[in-house]
Protein backbone atom coordinates (compact mmCIF):
# COMPACT_ATOMS: atom_id res chain seq x y z
CA MET A 1 145.91 57.91 137.15
CA LEU A 2 146.71 58.65 140.84
CA ASP A 3 147.72 55.76 142.08
CA VAL A 4 150.10 55.56 138.96
CA LEU A 5 151.43 58.81 139.78
CA ASN A 6 152.03 57.60 143.96
CA ARG A 7 153.60 54.56 142.73
CA ARG A 8 150.83 52.78 144.80
CA LEU A 9 150.87 50.34 142.00
CA SER A 10 153.29 47.46 141.00
CA LYS A 11 155.33 47.64 137.21
CA ASP A 12 153.40 44.97 136.23
CA GLU A 13 149.78 46.21 137.70
CA GLU A 14 151.32 49.83 136.12
CA THR A 15 151.40 48.69 132.38
CA ARG A 16 148.42 46.57 132.86
CA THR A 17 146.53 49.90 133.84
CA ALA A 18 148.48 51.57 131.40
CA PHE A 19 147.14 49.62 128.48
CA SER A 20 143.84 49.36 129.76
CA PHE A 21 143.32 53.24 127.96
CA PHE A 22 144.28 51.82 124.75
CA GLY A 23 142.04 50.82 121.61
CA VAL A 24 141.37 51.39 117.39
CA GLN A 25 141.13 55.43 119.07
CA GLY A 26 142.05 55.11 122.43
CA PRO A 27 140.81 57.31 124.63
CA TRP A 28 143.23 59.79 125.13
CA TYR A 29 143.00 60.95 121.73
CA THR A 30 139.24 61.77 122.80
CA VAL A 31 140.01 63.08 125.13
CA GLY A 32 143.23 65.97 124.54
CA TRP A 33 140.44 66.58 121.12
CA GLN A 34 137.52 68.13 123.88
CA MET A 35 140.06 69.62 125.72
CA ALA A 36 141.17 71.36 122.82
CA VAL A 37 138.13 72.31 121.77
CA VAL A 38 136.96 73.76 124.99
CA ILE A 39 139.92 75.55 125.29
CA GLU A 40 139.67 77.05 121.83
CA LYS A 41 136.40 78.05 121.75
CA THR A 42 136.75 79.70 125.40
CA PHE A 43 139.53 81.38 125.05
CA GLY A 44 140.66 81.10 121.44
CA ARG A 45 143.93 79.73 119.58
CA ALA A 46 146.56 81.59 121.03
CA ARG A 47 145.67 80.77 124.89
CA LEU A 48 144.90 76.73 123.12
CA ILE A 49 148.24 76.55 121.53
CA GLU A 50 150.22 78.64 124.99
CA SER A 51 148.58 76.12 127.38
CA PHE A 52 149.69 72.79 124.68
CA CYS A 53 153.30 74.26 125.48
CA ASP A 54 153.67 74.53 128.83
CA HIS A 55 151.96 71.50 130.41
CA GLN A 56 152.30 73.25 133.14
CA LYS A 57 149.04 75.40 132.74
CA LEU A 58 146.52 72.61 130.62
CA LEU A 59 144.85 71.00 132.84
CA SER A 60 144.04 74.80 134.66
CA THR A 61 143.25 76.56 132.13
CA TYR A 62 141.25 73.27 130.09
CA ASN A 63 139.43 73.78 134.22
CA THR A 64 138.79 77.13 134.18
CA ALA A 65 137.86 77.48 130.04
CA VAL A 66 135.30 74.12 130.92
CA GLN A 67 133.40 75.94 133.70
CA ARG A 68 132.61 78.71 131.22
CA TYR A 69 132.13 76.20 128.31
CA ASN A 70 129.88 74.48 130.53
CA ARG A 71 127.60 77.55 130.94
CA LYS A 72 127.27 78.96 127.48
CA GLU A 73 126.67 75.50 125.97
CA GLY A 74 124.29 73.77 128.47
CA LYS A 75 126.84 71.11 128.96
CA LYS A 76 128.03 68.95 131.89
CA LEU A 77 131.31 68.12 130.34
CA ALA A 78 133.98 66.66 133.33
CA ALA A 79 136.56 69.10 134.90
CA TRP A 80 140.09 67.39 135.94
CA SER A 81 140.47 67.35 140.44
CA ASN A 82 142.45 69.70 142.15
CA GLU A 83 144.34 66.61 143.57
CA LEU A 84 145.29 65.46 139.66
CA ILE A 85 147.10 68.53 138.79
CA ASN A 86 148.20 69.47 142.08
CA GLU A 87 150.52 66.19 142.28
CA LEU A 88 151.62 67.10 138.47
CA ARG A 89 152.75 69.70 140.11
């Protein structure tokens, strides 16, 4: 993802990398669903909608939520890197 954002790939490599994320359902669907579940269970539906409507808040809201969620549920879900969040700003 950072290679794409930082334009380290040629156009052909970028396309090949992007298409590697698709499949029958696709991992982006699953990632988005999991993020939505974590944010809603932690902060409620209003905060979920707010963060999905303001993409600048989405990843940082998820990161805050996932720390609380992992402690409460005994899970080890991953957070987004600060480097990626900063690149997207």
